[in-house]
């Protein structure tokens, strides 16, 4: 369960890296990475859990922010 809560932030981080790779003149901004992960990480974990059709209990725990890093993703 904790792995799923960590997956969302990793996906957000990877998407940000991909964005920077498409714009080589831009320099990655660590503060932006942190902001994106804090803002979108939990939501992404919840979306992944729903898309993978995980158990309702796991989805509910992610929604409540009971799995470590993730805050409410609703």
Protein backbone atom coordinates (compact mmCIF):
# COMPACT_ATOMS: atom_id res chain seq x y z
CA UNK A 1 0.00 0.00 0.00
CA UNK A 2 2.81 2.40 0.80
CA UNK A 3 4.36 1.69 -2.59
CA UNK A 4 1.21 2.88 -4.31
CA UNK A 5 1.19 6.09 -2.27
CA UNK A 6 4.79 6.72 -3.39
CA UNK A 7 4.06 5.95 -7.03
CA UNK A 8 2.06 9.14 -7.63
CA UNK A 9 4.91 11.47 -6.64
CA UNK A 10 7.33 9.44 -8.78
CA UNK A 11 5.03 9.77 -11.79
CA UNK A 12 4.76 13.53 -11.25
CA UNK A 13 8.56 13.82 -10.94
CA UNK A 14 9.05 11.77 -14.11
CA UNK A 15 6.54 13.89 -16.03
CA UNK A 16 8.35 17.06 -14.94
CA UNK A 17 11.68 15.61 -16.10
CA UNK A 18 10.10 14.71 -19.43
CA UNK A 19 8.87 18.28 -19.79
CA UNK A 20 12.33 19.66 -19.20
CA UNK A 21 13.84 17.19 -21.67
CA UNK A 22 11.57 18.62 -24.36
CA UNK A 23 12.78 22.14 -23.62
CA UNK A 24 16.57 21.80 -23.37
CA UNK A 25 17.10 25.54 -22.97
CA UNK A 26 15.29 25.46 -19.63
CA UNK A 27 17.13 24.62 -16.43
CA UNK A 28 15.26 22.29 -14.06
CA UNK A 29 14.01 24.14 -11.01
CA UNK A 30 14.11 22.04 -7.82
CA UNK A 31 11.52 24.25 -6.10
CA UNK A 32 9.10 23.64 -8.97
CA UNK A 33 9.63 19.88 -8.67
CA UNK A 34 8.83 20.04 -4.96
CA UNK A 35 5.73 22.16 -5.57
CA UNK A 36 4.46 19.85 -8.30
CA UNK A 37 4.99 16.76 -6.17
CA UNK A 38 3.33 18.32 -3.12
CA UNK A 39 0.40 19.56 -5.19
CA UNK A 40 -0.15 16.60 -7.51
CA UNK A 41 1.54 13.56 -5.96
CA UNK A 42 -1.34 12.39 -3.78
CA UNK A 43 -3.90 13.02 -6.52
CA UNK A 44 -1.82 10.98 -8.95
CA UNK A 45 -1.53 8.08 -6.48
CA UNK A 46 -5.29 8.10 -6.08
CA UNK A 47 -5.86 8.16 -9.84
CA UNK A 48 -3.47 5.24 -10.31
CA UNK A 49 -5.20 3.25 -7.56
CA UNK A 50 -8.59 3.84 -9.18
CA UNK A 51 -7.30 3.09 -12.68
CA UNK A 52 -5.75 -0.17 -11.47
CA UNK A 53 -9.06 -0.99 -9.78
CA UNK A 54 -7.44 -1.61 -6.42
CA UNK A 55 -9.54 -2.51 -3.42
CA UNK A 56 -12.05 0.06 -2.15
CA UNK A 57 -10.26 -0.02 1.22
CA UNK A 58 -6.98 1.01 -0.39
CA UNK A 59 -8.64 3.79 -2.37
CA UNK A 60 -10.37 5.02 0.80
CA UNK A 61 -7.05 5.00 2.69
CA UNK A 62 -5.44 7.05 -0.07
CA UNK A 63 -8.36 9.48 0.01
CA UNK A 64 -7.91 9.93 3.75
CA UNK A 65 -4.14 10.28 3.46
CA UNK A 66 -3.48 7.27 5.70
CA UNK A 67 -0.65 5.79 3.66
CA UNK A 68 2.33 7.89 4.56
CA UNK A 69 3.31 10.64 2.12
CA UNK A 70 -0.02 11.19 0.44
CA UNK A 71 -2.43 13.76 1.72
CA UNK A 72 -5.99 13.92 0.53
CA UNK A 73 -6.19 13.15 -3.16
CA UNK A 74 -9.89 13.79 -3.64
